[in-house]
Amino acid sequence: MINDLDIVLRLLLAVLLGGLVGWEREKEEKPAGLRTHILVCLGSTLMMIVSAYGFPGRYPSDPGRIAAQVITGIGFIGAGTILRTGITIKGLTTAASIWTVAGIGLAIGIGLYLPAIFTTLLVVATLMLAVKFEVSVIGSHKPISLRCVIEDRPGSIGAIGSLLGELNVDIKQIELSSAWDGKVILTISLKLPAKLSEEEVIAKIIELDNVISAEWI
């Protein structure tokens, strides 16, 4: 049987470990941040404690049933963090971190402290370092948008497309809008290769004769 002090320590550990993951998400201004991750970890810890120790000698105890329900139910919260904007889907990583934090809470609740702590460290390291690794090895991991004001002349868009092709930039979508006084706004969604910086792309684009201005949005 678990004592009151052990229960308090487990709940406090859930706040700490959930908070570490939530702090990283909060720092990156993601849809689910510090409070959400703390509450998910804390709640799953409490549910596991209740399942494992809440009914001594009264009913057949099967902590695995509660754990399965927690993991299934957390999917609804994770789905709420996933947003689709145009061709871009955002929030998948945060949804995965919420799901993992629920597992960490379950581990704390049943007393598996080392797996819970080590998993938390791995999660935080992955969230903080994986993006830098992806960009350095395979380039931008998500589409970014470039807005250009160009002269409304034949061949203007083609020149930009040819330049981006020479730079091995992957063009995802092109939109034209706001034509006025012989000028148009061109918005391009693209992904950059690993060794090409955003500053280099802007510098190359600006050199084209028909480009008036260019910026990242």
N, C-alpha and C. Protein backbone atom coordinates (compact mmCIF):
# COMPACT_ATOMS: atom_id res chain seq x y z
N MET A 1 0.85 -1.20 0.00
CA MET A 1 0.00 0.00 0.00
C MET A 1 0.88 1.25 0.00
N ILE A 2 0.47 2.24 -0.77
CA ILE A 2 1.22 3.49 -0.87
C ILE A 2 0.83 4.42 0.26
N ASN A 3 1.80 5.17 0.80
CA ASN A 3 1.48 6.12 1.87
C ASN A 3 1.27 7.53 1.31
N ASP A 4 0.77 8.40 2.18
CA ASP A 4 0.41 9.75 1.73
C ASP A 4 1.62 10.53 1.22
N LEU A 5 2.76 10.38 1.88
CA LEU A 5 3.96 11.10 1.47
C LEU A 5 4.38 10.69 0.06
N ASP A 6 4.31 9.40 -0.21
CA ASP A 6 4.69 8.91 -1.53
C ASP A 6 3.74 9.45 -2.60
N ILE A 7 2.47 9.54 -2.26
CA ILE A 7 1.50 10.10 -3.21
C ILE A 7 1.84 11.55 -3.54
N VAL A 8 2.12 12.33 -2.51
CA VAL A 8 2.46 13.75 -2.71
C VAL A 8 3.73 13.88 -3.55
N LEU A 9 4.73 13.06 -3.25
CA LEU A 9 5.98 13.13 -4.01
C LEU A 9 5.77 12.78 -5.48
N ARG A 10 4.93 11.80 -5.73
CA ARG A 10 4.65 11.42 -7.12
C ARG A 10 3.92 12.53 -7.87
N LEU A 11 2.99 13.16 -7.20
CA LEU A 11 2.26 14.25 -7.85
C LEU A 11 3.18 15.44 -8.11
N LEU A 12 4.05 15.75 -7.16
CA LEU A 12 5.00 16.85 -7.36
C LEU A 12 5.97 16.53 -8.49
N LEU A 13 6.42 15.29 -8.57
CA LEU A 13 7.31 14.89 -9.66
C LEU A 13 6.61 15.02 -11.00
N ALA A 14 5.30 14.70 -11.04
CA ALA A 14 4.53 14.85 -12.28
C ALA A 14 4.49 16.31 -12.71
N VAL A 15 4.31 17.21 -11.75
CA VAL A 15 4.31 18.65 -12.07
C VAL A 15 5.66 19.06 -12.63
N LEU A 16 6.74 18.58 -12.02
CA LEU A 16 8.08 18.95 -12.45
C LEU A 16 8.39 18.43 -13.85
N LEU A 17 8.15 17.14 -14.08
CA LEU A 17 8.50 16.55 -15.38
C LEU A 17 7.58 17.05 -16.49
N GLY A 18 6.29 17.14 -16.20
CA GLY A 18 5.37 17.71 -17.18
C GLY A 18 5.70 19.16 -17.49
N GLY A 19 6.13 19.88 -16.44
CA GLY A 19 6.50 21.28 -16.63
C GLY A 19 7.73 21.47 -17.49
N LEU A 20 8.69 20.54 -17.41
CA LEU A 20 9.89 20.64 -18.24
C LEU A 20 9.54 20.56 -19.72
N VAL A 21 8.70 19.60 -20.06
CA VAL A 21 8.28 19.48 -21.46
C VAL A 21 7.41 20.68 -21.86
N GLY A 22 6.50 21.06 -20.98
CA GLY A 22 5.64 22.19 -21.27
C GLY A 22 6.40 23.50 -21.42
N TRP A 23 7.47 23.65 -20.64
CA TRP A 23 8.29 24.86 -20.75
C TRP A 23 8.90 24.99 -22.14
N GLU A 24 9.38 23.88 -22.69
CA GLU A 24 9.95 23.93 -24.04
C GLU A 24 8.90 24.31 -25.07
N ARG A 25 7.69 23.74 -24.95
CA ARG A 25 6.61 24.07 -25.88
C ARG A 25 6.15 25.51 -25.70
N GLU A 26 6.10 25.98 -24.45
CA GLU A 26 5.72 27.37 -24.17
C GLU A 26 6.74 28.33 -24.77
N LYS A 27 8.00 27.98 -24.64
CA LYS A 27 9.09 28.82 -25.18
C LYS A 27 8.97 28.99 -26.69
N GLU A 28 8.50 27.94 -27.36
CA GLU A 28 8.34 27.97 -28.81
C GLU A 28 6.97 28.50 -29.23
N GLU A 29 6.17 28.96 -28.24
CA GLU A 29 4.85 29.54 -28.48
C GLU A 29 3.93 28.57 -29.22
N LYS A 30 3.90 27.32 -28.75
CA LYS A 30 3.06 26.29 -29.35
C LYS A 30 1.66 26.32 -28.73
N PRO A 31 0.67 25.69 -29.42
CA PRO A 31 -0.72 25.76 -28.93
C PRO A 31 -0.91 25.24 -27.51
N ALA A 32 -0.20 24.19 -27.15
CA ALA A 32 -0.29 23.64 -25.79
C ALA A 32 1.06 23.85 -25.10
N GLY A 33 1.04 24.58 -23.99
CA GLY A 33 2.30 24.94 -23.36
C GLY A 33 2.46 24.39 -21.96
N LEU A 34 2.95 25.21 -21.07
CA LEU A 34 3.33 24.80 -19.72
C LEU A 34 2.15 24.21 -18.94
N ARG A 35 1.06 24.94 -18.85
CA ARG A 35 -0.07 24.49 -18.03
C ARG A 35 -0.69 23.20 -18.56
N THR A 36 -0.83 23.11 -19.88
CA THR A 36 -1.44 21.92 -20.46
C THR A 36 -0.62 20.68 -20.17
N HIS A 37 0.68 20.75 -20.37
CA HIS A 37 1.54 19.59 -20.14
C HIS A 37 1.59 19.21 -18.66
N ILE A 38 1.61 20.21 -17.79
CA ILE A 38 1.59 19.91 -16.35
C ILE A 38 0.30 19.18 -15.98
N LEU A 39 -0.83 19.69 -16.44
CA LEU A 39 -2.12 19.10 -16.08
C LEU A 39 -2.28 17.69 -16.65
N VAL A 40 -1.79 17.48 -17.87
CA VAL A 40 -1.88 16.14 -18.47
C VAL A 40 -1.05 15.15 -17.66
N CYS A 41 0.18 15.54 -17.32
CA CYS A 41 1.06 14.65 -16.56
C CYS A 41 0.51 14.41 -15.15
N LEU A 42 0.04 15.47 -14.52
CA LEU A 42 -0.51 15.37 -13.18
C LEU A 42 -1.77 14.50 -13.16
N GLY A 43 -2.64 14.73 -14.12
CA GLY A 43 -3.89 13.98 -14.16
C GLY A 43 -3.66 12.50 -14.42
N SER A 44 -2.76 12.17 -15.35
CA SER A 44 -2.51 10.76 -15.63
C SER A 44 -1.83 10.07 -14.44
N THR A 45 -0.98 10.83 -13.72
CA THR A 45 -0.37 10.28 -12.51
C THR A 45 -1.43 9.94 -11.46
N LEU A 46 -2.34 10.87 -11.23
CA LEU A 46 -3.40 10.64 -10.25
C LEU A 46 -4.28 9.46 -10.64
N MET A 47 -4.62 9.38 -11.93
CA MET A 47 -5.46 8.27 -12.39
C MET A 47 -4.79 6.92 -12.17
N MET A 48 -3.49 6.87 -12.41
CA MET A 48 -2.78 5.61 -12.20
C MET A 48 -2.69 5.26 -10.71
N ILE A 49 -2.48 6.27 -9.87
CA ILE A 49 -2.45 6.03 -8.42
C ILE A 49 -3.79 5.49 -7.94
N VAL A 50 -4.86 6.12 -8.40
CA VAL A 50 -6.19 5.66 -8.00
C VAL A 50 -6.45 4.24 -8.50
N SER A 51 -6.06 3.97 -9.73
CA SER A 51 -6.29 2.64 -10.29
C SER A 51 -5.50 1.56 -9.57
N ALA A 52 -4.24 1.88 -9.26
CA ALA A 52 -3.36 0.86 -8.68
C ALA A 52 -3.56 0.68 -7.18
N TYR A 53 -3.93 1.77 -6.47
CA TYR A 53 -3.96 1.70 -5.01
C TYR A 53 -5.29 2.12 -4.38
N GLY A 54 -6.23 2.53 -5.21
CA GLY A 54 -7.45 3.12 -4.66
C GLY A 54 -8.48 2.14 -4.16
N PHE A 55 -8.37 0.87 -4.51
CA PHE A 55 -9.41 -0.10 -4.12
C PHE A 55 -8.79 -1.35 -3.50
N PRO A 56 -8.07 -1.20 -2.39
CA PRO A 56 -7.39 -2.37 -1.80
C PRO A 56 -8.39 -3.37 -1.21
N GLY A 57 -8.34 -4.58 -1.71
CA GLY A 57 -9.14 -5.65 -1.14
C GLY A 57 -10.62 -5.59 -1.43
N ARG A 58 -11.07 -4.60 -2.22
CA ARG A 58 -12.50 -4.47 -2.48
C ARG A 58 -12.89 -5.04 -3.85
N TYR A 59 -12.13 -4.62 -4.85
CA TYR A 59 -12.45 -5.05 -6.20
C TYR A 59 -11.18 -5.59 -6.84
N PRO A 60 -11.31 -6.46 -7.85
CA PRO A 60 -10.11 -6.90 -8.60
C PRO A 60 -9.44 -5.70 -9.24
N SER A 61 -8.15 -5.52 -8.98
CA SER A 61 -7.42 -4.35 -9.47
C SER A 61 -6.71 -4.67 -10.78
N ASP A 62 -6.93 -3.81 -11.77
CA ASP A 62 -6.25 -3.96 -13.06
C ASP A 62 -5.81 -2.58 -13.53
N PRO A 63 -4.64 -2.10 -13.06
CA PRO A 63 -4.18 -0.76 -13.43
C PRO A 63 -4.04 -0.56 -14.93
N GLY A 64 -3.83 -1.66 -15.65
CA GLY A 64 -3.67 -1.54 -17.10
C GLY A 64 -4.90 -1.00 -17.80
N ARG A 65 -6.08 -1.24 -17.22
CA ARG A 65 -7.31 -0.73 -17.84
C ARG A 65 -7.34 0.80 -17.82
N ILE A 66 -6.99 1.38 -16.69
CA ILE A 66 -6.96 2.84 -16.59
C ILE A 66 -5.89 3.41 -17.52
N ALA A 67 -4.72 2.79 -17.55
CA ALA A 67 -3.64 3.27 -18.42
C ALA A 67 -4.08 3.29 -19.87
N ALA A 68 -4.76 2.23 -20.31
CA ALA A 68 -5.22 2.17 -21.69
C ALA A 68 -6.22 3.27 -21.99
N GLN A 69 -7.12 3.54 -21.03
CA GLN A 69 -8.13 4.59 -21.23
C GLN A 69 -7.48 5.97 -21.27
N VAL A 70 -6.46 6.19 -20.44
CA VAL A 70 -5.76 7.48 -20.44
C VAL A 70 -5.10 7.71 -21.80
N ILE A 71 -4.38 6.73 -22.30
CA ILE A 71 -3.68 6.88 -23.58
C ILE A 71 -4.66 7.10 -24.71
N THR A 72 -5.80 6.39 -24.65
CA THR A 72 -6.82 6.59 -25.69
C THR A 72 -7.44 7.98 -25.59
N GLY A 73 -7.81 8.36 -24.37
CA GLY A 73 -8.48 9.64 -24.18
C GLY A 73 -7.62 10.84 -24.47
N ILE A 74 -6.32 10.72 -24.26
CA ILE A 74 -5.43 11.87 -24.47
C ILE A 74 -5.37 12.26 -25.93
N GLY A 75 -5.77 11.34 -26.81
CA GLY A 75 -5.78 11.65 -28.23
C GLY A 75 -6.71 12.80 -28.57
N PHE A 76 -7.80 12.96 -27.80
CA PHE A 76 -8.72 14.05 -28.06
C PHE A 76 -8.08 15.41 -27.75
N ILE A 77 -7.28 15.45 -26.69
CA ILE A 77 -6.58 16.70 -26.38
C ILE A 77 -5.51 16.98 -27.42
N GLY A 78 -4.76 15.94 -27.79
CA GLY A 78 -3.72 16.12 -28.80
C GLY A 78 -4.29 16.58 -30.12
N ALA A 79 -5.44 16.03 -30.51
CA ALA A 79 -6.05 16.43 -31.78
C ALA A 79 -6.42 17.91 -31.78
N GLY A 80 -6.74 18.46 -30.61
CA GLY A 80 -7.09 19.87 -30.53
C GLY A 80 -5.93 20.81 -30.78
N THR A 81 -4.71 20.30 -30.72
CA THR A 81 -3.53 21.16 -30.96
C THR A 81 -3.10 21.13 -32.42
N ILE A 82 -3.72 20.27 -33.24
CA ILE A 82 -3.31 20.14 -34.64
C ILE A 82 -4.15 21.09 -35.49
N LEU A 83 -3.49 21.96 -36.22
CA LEU A 83 -4.15 22.95 -37.05
C LEU A 83 -3.67 22.81 -38.48
N ARG A 84 -4.59 23.04 -39.43
CA ARG A 84 -4.20 23.03 -40.84
C ARG A 84 -4.42 24.41 -41.41
N THR A 85 -3.35 24.97 -42.00
CA THR A 85 -3.41 26.27 -42.64
C THR A 85 -2.90 26.11 -44.06
N GLY A 86 -3.83 26.15 -45.02
CA GLY A 86 -3.41 25.93 -46.41
C GLY A 86 -2.84 24.54 -46.58
N ILE A 87 -1.58 24.47 -47.04
CA ILE A 87 -0.95 23.18 -47.24
C ILE A 87 -0.13 22.76 -46.02
N THR A 88 -0.12 23.60 -44.99
CA THR A 88 0.73 23.35 -43.83
C THR A 88 -0.10 22.80 -42.67
N ILE A 89 0.39 21.73 -42.05
CA ILE A 89 -0.23 21.17 -40.86
C ILE A 89 0.67 21.46 -39.67
N LYS A 90 0.12 22.10 -38.65
CA LYS A 90 0.90 22.47 -37.48
C LYS A 90 0.35 21.78 -36.24
N GLY A 91 1.22 21.55 -35.27
CA GLY A 91 0.80 21.03 -33.99
C GLY A 91 1.02 19.54 -33.78
N LEU A 92 1.53 18.84 -34.79
CA LEU A 92 1.74 17.40 -34.65
C LEU A 92 2.76 17.08 -33.56
N THR A 93 3.84 17.86 -33.51
CA THR A 93 4.86 17.61 -32.50
C THR A 93 4.32 17.87 -31.09
N THR A 94 3.54 18.94 -30.94
CA THR A 94 2.95 19.23 -29.64
C THR A 94 1.97 18.15 -29.23
N ALA A 95 1.18 17.66 -30.19
CA ALA A 95 0.26 16.55 -29.89
C ALA A 95 1.03 15.32 -29.42
N ALA A 96 2.16 15.04 -30.07
CA ALA A 96 2.98 13.90 -29.67
C ALA A 96 3.58 14.11 -28.28
N SER A 97 3.97 15.34 -27.97
CA SER A 97 4.55 15.61 -26.64
C SER A 97 3.48 15.45 -25.55
N ILE A 98 2.25 15.84 -25.84
CA ILE A 98 1.17 15.65 -24.86
C ILE A 98 0.93 14.16 -24.62
N TRP A 99 0.91 13.39 -25.68
CA TRP A 99 0.72 11.94 -25.58
C TRP A 99 1.84 11.30 -24.75
N THR A 100 3.08 11.74 -25.01
CA THR A 100 4.22 11.19 -24.27
C THR A 100 4.18 11.60 -22.81
N VAL A 101 3.79 12.84 -22.54
CA VAL A 101 3.69 13.32 -21.15
C VAL A 101 2.65 12.51 -20.38
N ALA A 102 1.57 12.11 -21.05
CA ALA A 102 0.58 11.25 -20.39
C ALA A 102 1.23 9.93 -19.98
N GLY A 103 2.06 9.38 -20.85
CA GLY A 103 2.78 8.15 -20.51
C GLY A 103 3.74 8.35 -19.35
N ILE A 104 4.39 9.51 -19.32
CA ILE A 104 5.29 9.82 -18.21
C ILE A 104 4.51 9.86 -16.90
N GLY A 105 3.33 10.48 -16.95
CA GLY A 105 2.50 10.54 -15.75
C GLY A 105 2.08 9.16 -15.26
N LEU A 106 1.74 8.28 -16.19
CA LEU A 106 1.37 6.92 -15.81
C LEU A 106 2.55 6.20 -15.15
N ALA A 107 3.74 6.40 -15.70
CA ALA A 107 4.93 5.77 -15.13
C ALA A 107 5.19 6.27 -13.71
N ILE A 108 5.03 7.58 -13.49
CA ILE A 108 5.20 8.14 -12.15
C ILE A 108 4.16 7.55 -11.20
N GLY A 109 2.92 7.47 -11.66
CA GLY A 109 1.84 6.99 -10.81
C GLY A 109 2.05 5.58 -10.32
N ILE A 110 2.68 4.74 -11.13
CA ILE A 110 2.90 3.35 -10.73
C ILE A 110 4.24 3.16 -10.03
N GLY A 111 5.04 4.27 -9.95
CA GLY A 111 6.31 4.22 -9.23
C GLY A 111 7.53 3.95 -10.05
N LEU A 112 7.43 4.05 -11.39
CA LEU A 112 8.59 3.84 -12.26
C LEU A 112 9.29 5.18 -12.48
N TYR A 113 10.01 5.62 -11.47
CA TYR A 113 10.61 6.96 -11.49
C TYR A 113 11.72 7.11 -12.53
N LEU A 114 12.63 6.15 -12.60
CA LEU A 114 13.75 6.26 -13.52
C LEU A 114 13.29 6.33 -14.98
N PRO A 115 12.39 5.44 -15.44
CA PRO A 115 11.90 5.56 -16.81
C PRO A 115 11.22 6.90 -17.06
N ALA A 116 10.46 7.39 -16.07
CA ALA A 116 9.77 8.66 -16.25
C ALA A 116 10.75 9.82 -16.39
N ILE A 117 11.76 9.87 -15.53
CA ILE A 117 12.74 10.96 -15.58
C ILE A 117 13.57 10.89 -16.84
N PHE A 118 14.03 9.69 -17.18
CA PHE A 118 14.88 9.55 -18.36
C PHE A 118 14.10 9.86 -19.63
N THR A 119 12.84 9.43 -19.70
CA THR A 119 12.01 9.75 -20.86
C THR A 119 11.80 11.25 -20.99
N THR A 120 11.58 11.93 -19.87
CA THR A 120 11.42 13.39 -19.91
C THR A 120 12.65 14.07 -20.47
N LEU A 121 13.82 13.65 -20.01
CA LEU A 121 15.06 14.23 -20.53
C LEU A 121 15.21 14.00 -22.03
N LEU A 122 14.85 12.80 -22.47
CA LEU A 122 14.93 12.49 -23.90
C LEU A 122 13.94 13.33 -24.71
N VAL A 123 12.74 13.52 -24.15
CA VAL A 123 11.74 14.33 -24.86
C VAL A 123 12.21 15.77 -25.01
N VAL A 124 12.69 16.36 -23.91
CA VAL A 124 13.16 17.75 -23.97
C VAL A 124 14.34 17.88 -24.92
N ALA A 125 15.27 16.94 -24.87
CA ALA A 125 16.42 16.98 -25.77
C ALA A 125 15.98 16.86 -27.22
N THR A 126 15.01 15.99 -27.49
CA THR A 126 14.52 15.83 -28.84
C THR A 126 13.86 17.10 -29.35
N LEU A 127 13.02 17.71 -28.52
CA LEU A 127 12.32 18.92 -28.94
C LEU A 127 13.28 20.08 -29.18
N MET A 128 14.34 20.16 -28.39
CA MET A 128 15.26 21.29 -28.49
C MET A 128 16.31 21.10 -29.57
N LEU A 129 16.74 19.87 -29.81
CA LEU A 129 17.87 19.63 -30.70
C LEU A 129 17.49 19.09 -32.06
N ALA A 130 16.36 18.40 -32.16
CA ALA A 130 16.02 17.73 -33.41
C ALA A 130 15.80 18.71 -34.56
N VAL A 131 15.19 19.87 -34.26
CA VAL A 131 14.94 20.85 -35.31
C VAL A 131 16.25 21.34 -35.92
N LYS A 132 17.22 21.66 -35.06
CA LYS A 132 18.52 22.11 -35.57
C LYS A 132 19.18 21.02 -36.40
N PHE A 133 19.05 19.78 -35.96
CA PHE A 133 19.64 18.67 -36.71
C PHE A 133 18.96 18.51 -38.06
N GLU A 134 17.63 18.61 -38.09
CA GLU A 134 16.90 18.47 -39.34
C GLU A 134 17.31 19.54 -40.34
N VAL A 135 17.38 20.78 -39.87
CA VAL A 135 17.72 21.88 -40.77
C VAL A 135 19.14 21.73 -41.31
N SER A 136 20.08 21.31 -40.46
CA SER A 136 21.48 21.18 -40.88
C SER A 136 21.69 20.01 -41.83
N VAL A 137 20.85 18.98 -41.74
CA VAL A 137 21.05 17.78 -42.56
C VAL A 137 20.15 17.76 -43.80
N ILE A 138 18.85 18.04 -43.62
CA ILE A 138 17.93 17.92 -44.75
C ILE A 138 17.28 19.24 -45.14
N GLY A 139 17.62 20.33 -44.44
CA GLY A 139 17.06 21.62 -44.78
C GLY A 139 15.84 21.95 -43.95
N SER A 140 15.13 23.01 -44.37
CA SER A 140 13.95 23.46 -43.63
C SER A 140 12.94 22.33 -43.54
N HIS A 141 12.46 22.04 -42.32
CA HIS A 141 11.56 20.92 -42.11
C HIS A 141 10.10 21.27 -42.37
N LYS A 142 9.82 22.51 -42.67
CA LYS A 142 8.46 22.90 -42.98
C LYS A 142 8.47 24.03 -44.01
N PRO A 143 7.40 24.15 -44.79
CA PRO A 143 7.37 25.23 -45.79
C PRO A 143 7.40 26.60 -45.13
N ILE A 144 8.08 27.53 -45.75
CA ILE A 144 8.09 28.91 -45.31
C ILE A 144 7.63 29.77 -46.47
N SER A 145 7.17 30.97 -46.19
CA SER A 145 6.55 31.80 -47.22
C SER A 145 7.40 33.03 -47.54
N LEU A 146 7.57 33.27 -48.82
CA LEU A 146 8.32 34.41 -49.32
C LEU A 146 7.36 35.33 -50.07
N ARG A 147 7.35 36.61 -49.70
CA ARG A 147 6.49 37.59 -50.38
C ARG A 147 7.35 38.53 -51.20
N CYS A 148 7.04 38.64 -52.49
CA CYS A 148 7.78 39.51 -53.39
C CYS A 148 6.84 40.50 -54.06
N VAL A 149 7.26 41.74 -54.17
CA VAL A 149 6.58 42.72 -55.01
C VAL A 149 7.36 42.78 -56.32
N ILE A 150 6.67 42.47 -57.42
CA ILE A 150 7.37 42.37 -58.71
C ILE A 150 6.66 43.21 -59.76
N GLU A 151 7.39 43.53 -60.83
CA GLU A 151 6.80 44.20 -61.98
C GLU A 151 5.89 43.22 -62.72
N ASP A 152 4.72 43.71 -63.12
CA ASP A 152 3.75 42.86 -63.82
C ASP A 152 4.13 42.80 -65.30
N ARG A 153 5.15 42.01 -65.57
CA ARG A 153 5.65 41.85 -66.94
C ARG A 153 5.76 40.37 -67.27
N PRO A 154 5.65 40.02 -68.56
CA PRO A 154 5.84 38.63 -68.95
C PRO A 154 7.24 38.13 -68.56
N GLY A 155 7.29 36.98 -67.97
CA GLY A 155 8.58 36.39 -67.62
C GLY A 155 9.06 36.68 -66.22
N SER A 156 8.36 37.58 -65.48
CA SER A 156 8.82 37.93 -64.13
C SER A 156 8.74 36.73 -63.19
N ILE A 157 7.60 36.05 -63.22
CA ILE A 157 7.45 34.88 -62.34
C ILE A 157 8.37 33.75 -62.79
N GLY A 158 8.50 33.60 -64.09
CA GLY A 158 9.38 32.55 -64.61
C GLY A 158 10.83 32.74 -64.18
N ALA A 159 11.27 34.00 -64.14
CA ALA A 159 12.65 34.28 -63.72
C ALA A 159 12.87 33.88 -62.26
N ILE A 160 11.87 34.18 -61.41
CA ILE A 160 11.98 33.79 -60.00
C ILE A 160 11.97 32.28 -59.87
N GLY A 161 11.08 31.62 -60.60
CA GLY A 161 11.01 30.16 -60.56
C GLY A 161 12.30 29.51 -61.02
N SER A 162 12.90 30.06 -62.08
CA SER A 162 14.17 29.52 -62.58
C SER A 162 15.29 29.68 -61.56
N LEU A 163 15.32 30.85 -60.91
CA LEU A 163 16.35 31.09 -59.89
C LEU A 163 16.21 30.12 -58.73
N LEU A 164 14.98 29.96 -58.25
CA LEU A 164 14.76 29.04 -57.13
C LEU A 164 15.09 27.61 -57.52
N GLY A 165 14.83 27.25 -58.78
CA GLY A 165 15.19 25.93 -59.25
C GLY A 165 16.69 25.72 -59.25
N GLU A 166 17.43 26.75 -59.66
CA GLU A 166 18.90 26.66 -59.65
C GLU A 166 19.45 26.51 -58.23
N LEU A 167 18.73 27.07 -57.26
CA LEU A 167 19.15 26.98 -55.86
C LEU A 167 18.65 25.70 -55.18
N ASN A 168 17.97 24.83 -55.94
CA ASN A 168 17.42 23.57 -55.42
C ASN A 168 16.35 23.80 -54.35
N VAL A 169 15.62 24.90 -54.47
CA VAL A 169 14.52 25.20 -53.56
C VAL A 169 13.28 24.46 -54.04
N ASP A 170 12.58 23.83 -53.11
CA ASP A 170 11.37 23.08 -53.42
C ASP A 170 10.17 24.02 -53.30
N ILE A 171 9.54 24.37 -54.43
CA ILE A 171 8.39 25.27 -54.45
C ILE A 171 7.11 24.47 -54.21
N LYS A 172 6.35 24.87 -53.18
CA LYS A 172 5.12 24.16 -52.83
C LYS A 172 3.87 24.83 -53.39
N GLN A 173 3.85 26.16 -53.40
CA GLN A 173 2.65 26.87 -53.84
C GLN A 173 3.00 28.29 -54.22
N ILE A 174 2.31 28.82 -55.24
CA ILE A 174 2.51 30.19 -55.68
C ILE A 174 1.16 30.90 -55.75
N GLU A 175 1.08 32.10 -55.21
CA GLU A 175 -0.15 32.88 -55.26
C GLU A 175 0.15 34.30 -55.74
N LEU A 176 -0.75 34.85 -56.57
CA LEU A 176 -0.66 36.23 -57.04
C LEU A 176 -1.81 37.03 -56.46
N SER A 177 -1.53 38.28 -56.06
CA SER A 177 -2.59 39.12 -55.51
C SER A 177 -2.24 40.58 -55.64
N SER A 178 -3.24 41.43 -55.47
CA SER A 178 -3.07 42.89 -55.35
C SER A 178 -2.28 43.51 -56.50
N ALA A 179 -2.85 43.44 -57.70
CA ALA A 179 -2.21 44.11 -58.83
C ALA A 179 -2.54 45.61 -58.81
N TRP A 180 -1.53 46.46 -58.93
CA TRP A 180 -1.74 47.90 -58.99
C TRP A 180 -0.54 48.57 -59.65
N ASP A 181 -0.79 49.56 -60.46
CA ASP A 181 0.26 50.36 -61.11
C ASP A 181 1.35 49.49 -61.73
N GLY A 182 0.95 48.42 -62.39
CA GLY A 182 1.93 47.57 -63.06
C GLY A 182 2.75 46.71 -62.11
N LYS A 183 2.27 46.52 -60.88
CA LYS A 183 2.99 45.69 -59.90
C LYS A 183 2.03 44.65 -59.32
N VAL A 184 2.57 43.54 -58.89
CA VAL A 184 1.78 42.49 -58.24
C VAL A 184 2.55 41.94 -57.04
N ILE A 185 1.81 41.36 -56.10
CA ILE A 185 2.44 40.69 -54.96
C ILE A 185 2.43 39.19 -55.23
N LEU A 186 3.60 38.60 -55.16
CA LEU A 186 3.77 37.17 -55.39
C LEU A 186 4.13 36.51 -54.06
N THR A 187 3.33 35.54 -53.62
CA THR A 187 3.60 34.81 -52.38
C THR A 187 3.95 33.37 -52.73
N ILE A 188 5.12 32.92 -52.28
CA ILE A 188 5.61 31.59 -52.63
C ILE A 188 5.83 30.79 -51.35
N SER A 189 5.23 29.61 -51.28
CA SER A 189 5.48 28.68 -50.17
C SER A 189 6.55 27.70 -50.64
N LEU A 190 7.63 27.57 -49.87
CA LEU A 190 8.76 26.76 -50.32
C LEU A 190 9.51 26.13 -49.16
N LYS A 191 10.37 25.17 -49.49
CA LYS A 191 11.26 24.53 -48.52
C LYS A 191 12.69 24.69 -49.00
N LEU A 192 13.57 25.08 -48.09
CA LEU A 192 14.96 25.34 -48.45
C LEU A 192 15.82 24.10 -48.24
N PRO A 193 16.82 23.89 -49.10
CA PRO A 193 17.79 22.81 -48.86
C PRO A 193 18.66 23.12 -47.66
N ALA A 194 19.42 22.14 -47.20
CA ALA A 194 20.15 22.25 -45.93
C ALA A 194 21.16 23.39 -45.91
N LYS A 195 21.88 23.60 -47.00
CA LYS A 195 23.00 24.55 -46.98
C LYS A 195 22.65 25.91 -47.58
N LEU A 196 21.37 26.20 -47.65
CA LEU A 196 20.93 27.49 -48.19
C LEU A 196 20.17 28.25 -47.12
N SER A 197 20.64 29.46 -46.81
CA SER A 197 20.00 30.25 -45.76
C SER A 197 18.92 31.15 -46.34
N GLU A 198 18.03 31.62 -45.49
CA GLU A 198 16.98 32.54 -45.92
C GLU A 198 17.57 33.85 -46.44
N GLU A 199 18.65 34.30 -45.83
CA GLU A 199 19.29 35.55 -46.26
C GLU A 199 19.84 35.42 -47.68
N GLU A 200 20.40 34.26 -48.00
CA GLU A 200 20.93 34.04 -49.35
C GLU A 200 19.83 34.07 -50.40
N VAL A 201 18.69 33.49 -50.07
CA VAL A 201 17.58 33.48 -51.02
C VAL A 201 17.11 34.90 -51.29
N ILE A 202 16.92 35.69 -50.23
CA ILE A 202 16.49 37.09 -50.40
C ILE A 202 17.49 37.86 -51.26
N ALA A 203 18.77 37.68 -50.98
CA ALA A 203 19.81 38.41 -51.73
C ALA A 203 19.77 38.07 -53.21
N LYS A 204 19.56 36.80 -53.54
CA LYS A 204 19.50 36.38 -54.94
C LYS A 204 18.25 36.91 -55.63
N ILE A 205 17.12 36.85 -54.91
CA ILE A 205 15.86 37.31 -55.48
C ILE A 205 15.91 38.80 -55.79
N ILE A 206 16.45 39.59 -54.87
CA ILE A 206 16.51 41.04 -55.04
C ILE A 206 17.34 41.43 -56.26
N GLU A 207 18.29 40.61 -56.62
CA GLU A 207 19.15 40.91 -57.78
C GLU A 207 18.42 40.84 -59.11
N LEU A 208 17.26 40.18 -59.16
CA LEU A 208 16.50 40.07 -60.40
C LEU A 208 15.93 41.43 -60.79
N ASP A 209 15.91 41.73 -62.08
CA ASP A 209 15.51 43.05 -62.56
C ASP A 209 14.06 43.40 -62.22
N ASN A 210 13.16 42.43 -62.31
CA ASN A 210 11.74 42.73 -62.15
C ASN A 210 11.26 42.65 -60.70
N VAL A 211 12.15 42.36 -59.76
CA VAL A 211 11.78 42.25 -58.35
C VAL A 211 12.02 43.59 -57.65
N ILE A 212 10.97 44.15 -57.04
CA ILE A 212 11.08 45.43 -56.34
C ILE A 212 11.47 45.21 -54.88
N SER A 213 10.86 44.23 -54.23
CA SER A 213 11.18 43.93 -52.82
C SER A 213 10.86 42.48 -52.54
N ALA A 214 11.48 41.94 -51.48
CA ALA A 214 11.23 40.55 -51.09
C ALA A 214 11.43 40.44 -49.58
N GLU A 215 10.57 39.65 -48.93
CA GLU A 215 10.67 39.45 -47.49
C GLU A 215 10.05 38.11 -47.11
N TRP A 216 10.48 37.59 -45.96
CA TRP A 216 9.88 36.36 -45.42
C TRP A 216 8.70 36.72 -44.56
N ILE A 217 7.64 35.93 -44.63
CA ILE A 217 6.44 36.20 -43.82
C ILE A 217 6.06 34.96 -43.03
